[in-house]
Amino acid sequence: MFDIRSIWTFLKKNFNRFDILLAVVLLVLFFVTRLINLEKLPIFCDEGIYIRWAKVAWKDASWRFISLTDGRQPLQTWLTIPFLKLFPTQALFAGRLFGVASGFAAITGIFALLYYLFNKRIAFIGSFLYIITPFFLFYDRMALADSAVNAGFVWILFFSILLIKNLRLDIALIFGLIAGLTLLTKSTARLFLGLSVLAPVINLFKNKKKFVLESVNYLILLGLVAFLALALYNIQRLSPFMHYIAEKNTTFVMTYAEFMKNPFAVFWHNLQIIPYYVFSELGYLVGILGVIGFAGLFKKDKGLALYLSSWLVLSFLAVAFFSKVIFPRYLIFFATMLLLTASFYVGQLKRSLSKLILAAAIIVSLYYGWIILFNQPLLPFPEIDRGQYIEGECAGYGTREIMEFARAKSADKPVILLAEGNFGLIGDMLNVHLLPGDRIDIRGFWPLEELQLLENQKEIGANNVYAVFSQRKIFPKEWPIKLIMKYDKPGARTAYYLFELLPKEQ
């Protein structure tokens, strides 16, 4: 029976005034680090896609499953809409608030999991490490689904442990809801749900007589969890585009036929980059502490250590063998696993030594944090991420300035922007900065070449017409365009070009 008084009694019994003060400090620290300069990093092209989907779904209920047209689950789209309603003139800020909210869900899950498994001190240490670790700090500030996937990972792991230790129907029902929501976020959730089958190993070294019966009972309840999760997942069948998810997955994950043809096609490459991506974006220290923590956990609780290790090793092998495309953000749940054991390790040390390690973590975080919050061009992440967010075509340096220029010109007459890219490129990124009432029409073309320019010359006169190029670097002299501005990006590898479209020669 639910009784709110029991929750109050639990909190009063287990948390004193200092604990409450510490929790408030951590809460403030979390939101300060996530919200300060939230829009300072220019928009990333994938953010442009996701925010545009949310804007469309908000205004047109028939397109609530718009993300499925690209094989993406819709939860991010749906949960971004409330933030767009709160901040209709700050779409990028609203979109990134989804990441902040996802990070908050993750940190609450980490606190709950560590408190349940170990103790209050380790839970506070884990929460603090989560706040200052660059991997989480960066992606909690992005309008991407990966922070939400990480939150789903934490809660699925927590409830799998909770279920095997308690074998209660109400826990299974909540577990099913969480798993279903995570499945509606990204296909990676299937891996987490599958690994939950291994939870009985937690009891392997305890009461062996009850082990088989408890395992059977757990698997029955887990079957209910899977049923509820899949029932929720299949709400996507209301859209005719659900089948695109399977097609999209083949872009990133090897099919069975591809794997059987060459099982090691991507393995050796992935074997090298996965640890590099995870440890480098963790800032190395937390990753190293996490590895040490796994060794220490085996000494204290073999069953739990074996379960967590199985999640780490099996998911590593799955990603290494089957993933055709890997970006560091796809690996964020590996970072969380190492964070959990790092927190355990630090929490088991003498207070003087643990304070020394936390001080070292703070020093590392100050370096990364200052860059992430205030000086993003110096981001010390792997080259693949610098290319995406800082230096490459998908880094939106100049998009805000282009829209401000167009907005100023629209005071005279409407503006048409011909954008080189009609999906996920400059067109979607410009659209995010479009404000209600703007007299700006953004038209995406792929490719954007002389033919498209000539076709739009008829718009000149009634409109100011400009062309924005994000990919092309060479512009033939015979094209009817005049350079207005070149927007260079850090590293000078790429740039956006803004041209005025000239009328036909008389």
Protein backbone atom coordinates (compact mmCIF):
# COMPACT_ATOMS: atom_id res chain seq x y z
CA MET A 1 0.00 0.00 0.00
CA PHE A 2 1.30 3.43 -0.93
CA ASP A 3 1.66 5.83 1.97
CA ILE A 4 3.38 9.19 1.53
CA ARG A 5 4.18 9.18 5.24
CA SER A 6 6.45 6.17 4.80
CA ILE A 7 8.56 8.14 2.32
CA TRP A 8 8.83 11.03 4.77
CA THR A 9 9.74 8.62 7.57
CA PHE A 10 12.44 7.01 5.42
CA LEU A 11 13.98 10.36 4.52
CA LYS A 12 13.85 11.62 8.09
CA LYS A 13 15.46 8.44 9.39
CA ASN A 14 18.28 8.22 6.85
CA PHE A 15 19.15 11.83 5.98
CA ASN A 16 20.16 14.51 8.47
CA ARG A 17 20.35 18.26 7.94
CA PHE A 18 23.88 18.11 6.61
CA ASP A 19 22.81 15.51 4.04
CA ILE A 20 19.96 17.74 2.91
CA LEU A 21 22.30 20.71 2.64
CA LEU A 22 24.77 18.63 0.64
CA ALA A 23 22.00 17.43 -1.67
CA VAL A 24 20.88 21.02 -2.26
CA VAL A 25 24.47 22.08 -3.02
CA LEU A 26 24.85 19.23 -5.52
CA LEU A 27 21.50 20.08 -7.06
CA VAL A 28 22.50 23.72 -7.51
CA LEU A 29 25.91 22.69 -8.87
CA PHE A 30 24.26 20.36 -11.37
CA PHE A 31 21.90 22.98 -12.77
CA VAL A 32 24.51 25.75 -12.77
CA THR A 33 26.97 23.63 -14.74
CA ARG A 34 24.25 22.49 -17.14
CA LEU A 35 22.51 25.82 -17.74
CA ILE A 36 25.29 28.40 -17.81
CA ASN A 37 26.08 29.43 -21.41
CA LEU A 38 23.80 26.66 -22.64
CA GLU A 39 23.53 28.25 -26.10
CA LYS A 40 27.17 29.32 -26.37
CA LEU A 41 28.27 26.26 -28.33
CA PRO A 42 26.81 26.74 -31.83
CA ILE A 43 24.16 24.31 -32.94
CA PHE A 44 25.22 20.86 -34.14
CA CYS A 45 23.50 19.56 -37.28
CA ASP A 46 21.76 16.63 -35.54
CA GLU A 47 20.36 19.08 -33.01
CA GLY A 48 18.89 20.99 -35.92
CA ILE A 49 17.07 17.88 -37.11
CA TYR A 50 15.67 16.96 -33.71
CA ILE A 51 14.54 20.47 -32.80
CA ARG A 52 12.88 20.95 -36.18
CA TRP A 53 11.01 17.67 -35.67
CA ALA A 54 9.79 18.89 -32.30
CA LYS A 55 8.67 22.22 -33.79
CA VAL A 56 6.73 20.42 -36.53
CA ALA A 57 5.19 17.90 -34.10
CA TRP A 58 4.18 20.71 -31.76
CA LYS A 59 2.29 22.60 -34.43
CA ASP A 60 0.85 19.62 -36.31
CA ALA A 61 -0.47 16.67 -34.29
CA SER A 62 -0.54 14.47 -37.38
CA TRP A 63 3.27 14.58 -37.35
CA ARG A 64 3.84 13.51 -33.75
CA PHE A 65 5.79 10.53 -35.11
CA ILE A 66 7.84 12.62 -37.54
CA SER A 67 11.13 11.22 -36.23
CA LEU A 68 10.15 7.78 -37.54
CA THR A 69 10.55 9.10 -41.09
CA ASP A 70 14.28 8.88 -40.37
CA GLY A 71 14.06 5.71 -38.29
CA ARG A 72 14.38 7.53 -34.96
CA GLN A 73 12.21 6.79 -31.95
CA PRO A 74 9.94 9.70 -30.95
CA LEU A 75 10.45 10.25 -27.21
CA GLN A 76 12.96 13.07 -27.62
CA THR A 77 10.61 14.82 -30.04
CA TRP A 78 7.70 14.55 -27.63
CA LEU A 79 9.62 15.66 -24.55
CA THR A 80 11.17 18.62 -26.34
CA ILE A 81 7.76 20.09 -27.16
CA PRO A 82 7.02 21.28 -23.58
CA PHE A 83 10.34 23.12 -23.50
CA LEU A 84 9.55 24.76 -26.85
CA LYS A 85 6.26 25.94 -25.39
CA LEU A 86 8.11 27.48 -22.46
CA PHE A 87 10.77 29.10 -24.66
CA PRO A 88 9.20 29.64 -28.10
CA THR A 89 11.81 32.23 -29.10
CA GLN A 90 14.80 30.18 -27.91
CA ALA A 91 14.45 26.89 -29.73
CA LEU A 92 18.08 25.85 -29.24
CA PHE A 93 17.87 26.55 -25.52
CA ALA A 94 14.59 24.63 -25.33
CA GLY A 95 16.02 21.68 -27.24
CA ARG A 96 19.05 21.49 -25.00
CA LEU A 97 16.87 21.59 -21.91
CA PHE A 98 15.83 18.09 -22.92
CA GLY A 99 19.46 17.06 -22.40
CA VAL A 100 19.56 18.84 -19.04
CA ALA A 101 16.39 17.08 -17.90
CA SER A 102 17.79 13.75 -19.08
CA GLY A 103 20.98 14.38 -17.13
CA PHE A 104 18.92 15.10 -14.04
CA ALA A 105 17.11 11.78 -14.50
CA ALA A 106 20.51 10.09 -14.80
CA ILE A 107 22.02 11.66 -11.69
CA THR A 108 18.97 10.82 -9.56
CA GLY A 109 19.22 7.24 -10.81
CA ILE A 110 22.92 7.09 -9.99
CA PHE A 111 22.29 8.38 -6.48
CA ALA A 112 19.46 5.90 -5.92
CA LEU A 113 21.46 2.98 -7.32
CA LEU A 114 24.63 3.70 -5.33
CA TYR A 115 22.65 4.34 -2.15
CA TYR A 116 20.79 1.06 -2.57
CA LEU A 117 23.90 -0.99 -3.36
CA PHE A 118 26.38 0.61 -0.98
CA ASN A 119 25.71 3.59 1.25
CA LYS A 120 24.90 7.26 1.43
CA ARG A 121 28.50 8.44 1.24
CA ILE A 122 29.18 6.57 -1.99
CA ALA A 123 25.91 7.88 -3.44
CA PHE A 124 26.97 11.47 -2.79
CA ILE A 125 30.44 10.81 -4.22
CA GLY A 126 28.94 9.27 -7.36
CA SER A 127 26.57 12.19 -7.83
CA PHE A 128 29.41 14.68 -7.45
CA LEU A 129 31.60 12.80 -9.92
CA TYR A 130 28.73 12.71 -12.39
CA ILE A 131 28.32 16.47 -12.18
CA ILE A 132 31.98 17.28 -12.83
CA THR A 133 32.87 14.52 -15.32
CA PRO A 134 33.33 16.05 -18.79
CA PHE A 135 31.60 13.21 -20.66
CA PHE A 136 28.32 13.87 -18.85
CA LEU A 137 28.78 17.62 -18.56
CA PHE A 138 29.07 17.98 -22.32
CA TYR A 139 26.22 15.72 -23.44
CA ASP A 140 23.80 16.87 -20.74
CA ARG A 141 24.03 20.24 -22.48
CA MET A 142 23.15 19.00 -25.98
CA ALA A 143 19.82 18.50 -27.74
CA LEU A 144 20.66 14.85 -28.37
CA ALA A 145 19.08 11.59 -27.21
CA ASP A 146 22.24 10.11 -25.73
CA SER A 147 21.88 11.64 -22.28
CA ALA A 148 18.35 10.21 -22.12
CA VAL A 149 19.68 6.82 -23.22
CA ASN A 150 22.18 7.02 -20.38
CA ALA A 151 19.40 7.82 -17.91
CA GLY A 152 17.46 4.82 -19.20
CA PHE A 153 20.54 2.66 -18.78
CA VAL A 154 20.95 3.69 -15.14
CA TRP A 155 17.33 3.06 -14.23
CA ILE A 156 17.11 -0.26 -16.11
CA LEU A 157 20.25 -1.46 -14.33
CA PHE A 158 18.87 -0.26 -10.98
CA PHE A 159 15.49 -1.91 -11.40
CA SER A 160 16.99 -5.18 -12.61
CA ILE A 161 18.95 -5.32 -9.33
CA LEU A 162 15.93 -4.17 -7.35
CA LEU A 163 13.78 -6.85 -8.95
CA ILE A 164 16.15 -9.76 -8.34
CA LYS A 165 16.58 -8.73 -4.70
CA ASN A 166 12.86 -8.26 -4.00
CA LEU A 167 10.90 -10.23 -6.65
CA ARG A 168 7.87 -7.93 -6.40
CA LEU A 169 5.19 -7.38 -9.01
CA ASP A 170 4.97 -3.62 -8.45
CA ILE A 171 8.71 -3.27 -9.13
CA ALA A 172 8.29 -5.26 -12.34
CA LEU A 173 5.49 -2.94 -13.48
CA ILE A 174 7.57 0.19 -12.92
CA PHE A 175 10.55 -1.55 -14.52
CA GLY A 176 8.45 -2.27 -17.61
CA LEU A 177 7.41 1.37 -17.88
CA ILE A 178 11.02 2.56 -17.62
CA ALA A 179 12.21 0.01 -20.17
CA GLY A 180 9.42 0.98 -22.55
CA LEU A 181 10.27 4.67 -22.34
CA THR A 182 13.93 3.89 -22.96
CA LEU A 183 12.99 1.80 -26.00
CA LEU A 184 11.12 4.85 -27.29
CA THR A 185 14.36 6.81 -26.99
CA LYS A 186 16.86 4.71 -28.93
CA SER A 187 17.36 1.13 -30.08
CA THR A 188 20.32 0.75 -27.69
CA ALA A 189 17.78 0.06 -24.94
CA ARG A 190 17.29 -3.45 -26.32
CA LEU A 191 20.83 -4.25 -25.24
CA PHE A 192 20.14 -3.05 -21.69
CA LEU A 193 16.94 -5.04 -21.41
CA GLY A 194 18.67 -8.14 -22.75
CA LEU A 195 21.50 -7.86 -20.23
CA SER A 196 18.95 -7.69 -17.42
CA VAL A 197 18.42 -11.43 -17.94
CA LEU A 198 21.74 -11.95 -16.15
CA ALA A 199 20.63 -10.36 -12.86
CA PRO A 200 20.27 -13.73 -11.04
CA VAL A 201 24.08 -14.04 -10.96
CA ILE A 202 23.94 -11.52 -8.12
CA ASN A 203 22.67 -14.35 -5.90
CA LEU A 204 25.00 -16.99 -7.33
CA PHE A 205 27.40 -16.95 -4.38
CA LYS A 206 24.78 -16.56 -1.65
CA ASN A 207 22.04 -19.10 -1.02
CA LYS A 208 22.59 -21.71 -3.73
CA LYS A 209 19.54 -23.71 -2.66
CA LYS A 210 17.25 -20.78 -3.44
CA PHE A 211 19.21 -19.68 -6.49
CA VAL A 212 17.26 -21.71 -9.07
CA LEU A 213 13.83 -20.81 -7.68
CA GLU A 214 14.70 -17.12 -7.36
CA SER A 215 16.08 -17.13 -10.90
CA VAL A 216 12.90 -18.69 -12.29
CA ASN A 217 10.72 -16.20 -10.42
CA TYR A 218 12.87 -13.33 -11.64
CA LEU A 219 12.71 -14.46 -15.26
CA ILE A 220 8.92 -14.72 -15.05
CA LEU A 221 8.72 -11.16 -13.75
CA LEU A 222 11.25 -10.04 -16.35
CA GLY A 223 8.99 -11.55 -18.99
CA LEU A 224 6.24 -9.24 -17.73
CA VAL A 225 8.70 -6.35 -17.87
CA ALA A 226 9.50 -7.17 -21.50
CA PHE A 227 5.81 -7.48 -22.36
CA LEU A 228 5.01 -4.06 -20.90
CA ALA A 229 8.06 -2.48 -22.51
CA LEU A 230 7.23 -3.89 -25.94
CA ALA A 231 3.58 -2.90 -25.57
CA LEU A 232 4.67 0.67 -24.94
CA TYR A 233 7.23 0.49 -27.75
CA ASN A 234 4.60 -0.66 -30.22
CA ILE A 235 2.65 2.56 -29.83
CA GLN A 236 4.83 3.55 -32.77
CA ARG A 237 2.70 1.29 -34.97
CA LEU A 238 0.20 4.13 -35.02
CA SER A 239 2.58 5.58 -37.59
CA PRO A 240 3.12 4.02 -41.03
CA PHE A 241 6.84 4.77 -40.71
CA MET A 242 7.81 2.44 -37.86
CA HIS A 243 9.53 0.02 -40.25
CA TYR A 244 12.16 2.67 -40.94
CA ILE A 245 13.69 1.97 -37.51
CA ALA A 246 14.93 -1.42 -38.64
CA GLU A 247 16.25 0.08 -41.86
CA LYS A 248 18.02 2.88 -39.99
CA ASN A 249 19.62 0.43 -37.58
CA THR A 250 21.39 -1.30 -40.47
CA THR A 251 23.27 1.96 -41.10
CA PHE A 252 24.91 1.69 -37.70
CA VAL A 253 24.78 -2.01 -36.81
CA MET A 254 25.85 -5.03 -38.85
CA THR A 255 23.09 -7.35 -39.96
CA TYR A 256 23.33 -11.06 -39.21
CA ALA A 257 24.25 -11.75 -42.84
CA GLU A 258 27.00 -9.12 -42.78
CA PHE A 259 28.37 -10.49 -39.53
CA MET A 260 28.45 -14.09 -40.77
CA LYS A 261 30.19 -13.00 -43.95
CA ASN A 262 33.00 -11.27 -42.05
CA PRO A 263 32.71 -11.44 -38.22
CA PHE A 264 35.80 -9.31 -37.64
CA ALA A 265 35.05 -6.64 -40.23
CA VAL A 266 34.86 -3.84 -37.65
CA PHE A 267 36.06 -5.57 -34.50
CA TRP A 268 39.75 -4.70 -34.50
CA HIS A 269 39.11 -1.06 -35.30
CA ASN A 270 36.38 -0.78 -32.66
CA LEU A 271 38.56 -2.58 -30.13
CA GLN A 272 40.96 0.35 -30.30
CA ILE A 273 38.60 3.30 -30.47
CA ILE A 274 36.05 2.32 -27.80
CA PRO A 275 38.44 2.57 -24.82
CA TYR A 276 40.03 5.69 -26.28
CA TYR A 277 36.71 7.46 -26.75
CA VAL A 278 35.38 6.50 -23.32
CA PHE A 279 38.50 7.25 -21.29
CA SER A 280 39.39 10.47 -23.11
CA GLU A 281 35.92 11.97 -22.67
CA LEU A 282 35.85 10.83 -19.05
CA GLY A 283 39.02 12.83 -18.50
CA TYR A 284 40.89 9.54 -17.83
CA LEU A 285 40.91 9.78 -14.02
CA VAL A 286 37.37 8.50 -13.43
CA GLY A 287 37.92 5.74 -15.99
CA ILE A 288 41.07 4.52 -14.26
CA LEU A 289 39.37 4.65 -10.87
CA GLY A 290 36.47 2.69 -12.34
CA VAL A 291 38.73 -0.14 -13.48
CA ILE A 292 40.34 -0.30 -10.04
CA GLY A 293 36.87 -0.20 -8.50
CA PHE A 294 35.80 -3.31 -10.41
CA ALA A 295 38.71 -5.22 -8.88
CA GLY A 296 37.78 -4.00 -5.41
CA LEU A 297 34.12 -4.88 -5.88
CA PHE A 298 34.98 -8.50 -6.64
CA LYS A 299 36.51 -8.73 -3.18
CA LYS A 300 33.42 -7.34 -1.47
CA ASP A 301 30.52 -8.76 -3.48
CA LYS A 302 31.37 -11.30 -6.18
CA GLY A 303 27.81 -11.65 -7.40
CA LEU A 304 27.27 -7.94 -7.91
CA ALA A 305 30.73 -7.53 -9.42
CA LEU A 306 30.05 -10.39 -11.82
CA TYR A 307 26.73 -8.84 -12.87
CA LEU A 308 28.18 -5.39 -13.48
CA SER A 309 31.17 -6.90 -15.25
CA SER A 310 28.88 -8.88 -17.52
CA TRP A 311 27.15 -5.64 -18.52
CA LEU A 312 30.50 -4.03 -19.24
CA VAL A 313 32.14 -6.93 -21.08
CA LEU A 314 29.15 -8.19 -23.06
CA SER A 315 28.05 -4.73 -24.14
CA PHE A 316 31.66 -3.98 -25.11
CA LEU A 317 31.82 -7.11 -27.25
CA ALA A 318 28.43 -6.39 -28.80
CA VAL A 319 29.44 -2.87 -29.76
CA ALA A 320 32.90 -3.94 -30.92
CA PHE A 321 31.65 -6.75 -33.15
CA PHE A 322 28.51 -5.20 -34.59
CA SER A 323 28.79 -1.38 -34.66
CA LYS A 324 29.64 -0.04 -38.09
CA VAL A 325 29.54 3.59 -36.94
CA ILE A 326 30.69 4.75 -33.50
CA PHE A 327 30.69 8.25 -32.12
CA PRO A 328 31.81 8.80 -28.51
CA ARG A 329 28.31 9.82 -27.43
CA TYR A 330 27.04 6.35 -28.35
CA LEU A 331 29.30 4.96 -25.60
CA ILE A 332 28.13 7.14 -22.75
CA PHE A 333 26.71 4.20 -20.79
CA PHE A 334 30.20 2.66 -20.61
CA ALA A 335 31.31 5.84 -18.88
CA THR A 336 28.47 5.47 -16.38
CA MET A 337 29.45 1.89 -15.56
CA LEU A 338 32.98 3.04 -14.80
CA LEU A 339 31.61 5.95 -12.77
CA LEU A 340 29.65 3.55 -10.57
CA THR A 341 32.67 1.44 -9.67
CA ALA A 342 34.90 4.52 -9.37
CA SER A 343 32.46 5.92 -6.81
CA PHE A 344 32.53 2.62 -4.92
CA TYR A 345 36.33 2.62 -4.90
CA VAL A 346 36.68 6.21 -3.69
CA GLY A 347 33.98 5.69 -1.08
CA GLN A 348 35.81 2.68 0.38
CA LEU A 349 39.05 4.57 0.92
CA LYS A 350 40.08 6.44 4.03
CA ARG A 351 38.57 9.89 4.09
CA SER A 352 41.92 11.62 3.72
CA LEU A 353 42.78 9.62 0.60
CA SER A 354 39.31 9.93 -0.89
CA LYS A 355 39.46 13.71 -0.41
CA LEU A 356 42.79 13.75 -2.23
CA ILE A 357 41.34 11.81 -5.16
CA LEU A 358 38.26 14.03 -5.29
CA ALA A 359 40.55 17.07 -5.29
CA ALA A 360 42.39 15.60 -8.28
CA ALA A 361 39.04 14.99 -10.00
CA ILE A 362 38.08 18.61 -9.36
CA ILE A 363 41.32 19.83 -10.92
CA VAL A 364 40.70 17.72 -14.02
CA SER A 365 37.10 18.89 -14.19
CA LEU A 366 38.07 22.55 -13.88
CA TYR A 367 40.20 22.20 -17.00
CA TYR A 368 37.51 20.44 -19.02
CA GLY A 369 34.64 22.36 -17.47
CA TRP A 370 36.09 25.78 -18.23
CA ILE A 371 36.47 24.80 -21.88
CA ILE A 372 33.02 23.21 -22.16
CA LEU A 373 31.28 26.15 -20.52
CA PHE A 374 33.31 29.11 -21.74
CA ASN A 375 35.82 28.25 -24.48
CA GLN A 376 34.43 25.45 -26.64
CA PRO A 377 36.86 25.86 -29.58
CA LEU A 378 39.57 24.35 -27.35
CA LEU A 379 37.48 21.24 -26.59
CA PRO A 380 40.03 18.46 -25.83
CA PHE A 381 37.87 15.61 -27.13
CA PRO A 382 38.84 13.07 -29.81
CA GLU A 383 39.22 14.37 -33.34
CA ILE A 384 35.93 12.82 -34.43
CA ASP A 385 34.03 14.93 -31.90
CA ARG A 386 35.97 18.09 -32.64
CA GLY A 387 35.01 17.54 -36.26
CA GLN A 388 31.35 17.20 -35.38
CA TYR A 389 30.92 19.99 -32.86
CA ILE A 390 33.74 22.46 -33.53
CA GLU A 391 35.50 22.25 -36.88
CA GLY A 392 33.41 20.31 -39.41
CA GLU A 393 30.46 21.04 -41.67
CA CYS A 394 28.03 20.06 -38.92
CA ALA A 395 29.36 22.65 -36.47
CA GLY A 396 26.99 25.60 -36.67
CA TYR A 397 29.39 28.52 -36.31
CA GLY A 398 27.77 31.38 -38.22
CA THR A 399 24.18 30.10 -38.30
CA ARG A 400 22.94 32.55 -35.67
CA GLU A 401 24.73 35.44 -37.39
CA ILE A 402 23.25 34.49 -40.77
CA MET A 403 19.74 34.51 -39.31
CA GLU A 404 20.35 37.86 -37.62
CA PHE A 405 21.51 39.26 -40.96
CA ALA A 406 18.42 37.85 -42.70
CA ARG A 407 16.15 39.22 -39.98
CA ALA A 408 17.59 42.69 -40.42
CA LYS A 409 17.13 42.50 -44.20
CA SER A 410 13.54 41.27 -43.79
CA ALA A 411 12.58 44.65 -42.33
CA ASP A 412 12.66 45.92 -45.92
CA LYS A 413 11.05 42.92 -47.64
CA PRO A 414 10.78 39.17 -47.08
CA VAL A 415 13.95 37.12 -47.21
CA ILE A 416 14.47 33.78 -48.91
CA LEU A 417 17.46 31.72 -47.82
CA LEU A 418 18.55 29.01 -50.23
CA ALA A 419 20.34 26.53 -47.98
CA GLU A 420 22.77 23.87 -49.16
CA GLY A 421 21.25 20.90 -47.41
CA ASN A 422 17.63 19.89 -46.92
CA PHE A 423 18.07 17.43 -44.04
CA GLY A 424 20.32 17.78 -41.03
CA LEU A 425 22.59 20.30 -42.64
CA ILE A 426 22.52 24.07 -42.78
CA GLY A 427 18.79 24.26 -43.59
CA ASP A 428 17.68 22.61 -40.36
CA MET A 429 20.23 24.50 -38.30
CA LEU A 430 19.03 27.84 -39.66
CA ASN A 431 15.44 26.81 -39.01
CA VAL A 432 16.16 26.43 -35.29
CA HIS A 433 16.99 30.14 -35.09
CA LEU A 434 13.79 31.11 -36.91
CA LEU A 435 11.51 33.16 -34.64
CA PRO A 436 7.72 33.41 -34.70
CA GLY A 437 6.77 36.23 -37.04
CA ASP A 438 10.03 36.21 -39.00
CA ARG A 439 9.59 37.04 -42.67
CA ILE A 440 12.23 34.51 -43.63
CA ASP A 441 11.66 31.50 -45.87
CA ILE A 442 14.37 28.82 -45.60
CA ARG A 443 14.49 26.52 -48.60
CA GLY A 444 16.79 23.52 -48.42
CA PHE A 445 18.33 22.07 -51.58
CA TRP A 446 20.63 19.13 -52.07
CA PRO A 447 22.61 19.75 -54.07
CA LEU A 448 22.52 23.54 -54.32
CA GLU A 449 24.04 24.34 -57.69
CA GLU A 450 23.65 26.75 -60.58
CA LEU A 451 20.34 25.22 -61.69
CA GLN A 452 18.69 25.87 -58.32
CA LEU A 453 20.10 29.39 -58.22
CA LEU A 454 18.75 30.20 -61.68
CA GLU A 455 15.33 28.76 -60.81
CA ASN A 456 15.06 31.09 -57.81
CA GLN A 457 16.08 34.28 -59.60
CA LYS A 458 12.39 34.88 -60.28
CA GLU A 459 11.95 35.52 -56.54
CA ILE A 460 14.23 38.57 -56.67
CA GLY A 461 12.37 41.84 -56.52
CA ALA A 462 9.58 40.81 -54.22
CA ASN A 463 12.15 39.25 -51.88
CA ASN A 464 15.74 39.54 -50.79
CA VAL A 465 17.26 36.23 -51.85
CA TYR A 466 20.45 34.79 -50.40
CA ALA A 467 22.27 31.47 -50.70
CA VAL A 468 24.01 29.73 -47.80
CA PHE A 469 26.63 27.10 -48.56
CA SER A 470 27.91 24.68 -45.93
CA GLN A 471 29.71 22.04 -48.02
CA ARG A 472 30.98 23.70 -51.17
CA LYS A 473 34.27 25.60 -51.14
CA ILE A 474 34.67 26.49 -54.82
CA PHE A 475 32.15 28.77 -56.55
CA PRO A 476 32.28 29.18 -60.34
CA LYS A 477 32.56 32.79 -61.50
CA GLU A 478 29.59 32.44 -63.84
CA TRP A 479 27.18 31.74 -60.97
CA PRO A 480 24.87 34.72 -60.29
CA ILE A 481 25.99 35.26 -56.70
CA LYS A 482 27.92 37.88 -54.72
CA LEU A 483 29.76 37.01 -51.51
CA ILE A 484 28.36 38.76 -48.45
CA MET A 485 30.25 36.99 -45.66
CA LYS A 486 32.40 33.96 -44.97
CA TYR A 487 31.98 32.45 -41.51
CA ASP A 488 35.15 30.57 -40.60
CA LYS A 489 35.16 27.90 -37.92
CA PRO A 490 37.87 27.05 -35.39
CA GLY A 491 40.71 25.28 -37.12
CA ALA A 492 39.82 26.93 -40.47
CA ARG A 493 38.99 23.54 -42.00
CA THR A 494 35.47 24.51 -43.04
CA ALA A 495 33.33 27.60 -43.33
CA TYR A 496 29.81 28.74 -44.14
CA TYR A 497 29.37 31.15 -47.04
CA LEU A 498 26.57 33.67 -47.38
CA PHE A 499 25.93 34.96 -50.91
CA GLU A 500 23.41 37.36 -52.36
CA LEU A 501 21.57 35.97 -55.37
CA LEU A 502 21.84 38.41 -58.26
CA PRO A 503 19.07 39.07 -60.80
CA LYS A 504 19.26 37.95 -64.39
CA GLU A 505 21.35 40.14 -66.60
CA GLN A 506 19.21 42.26 -68.88
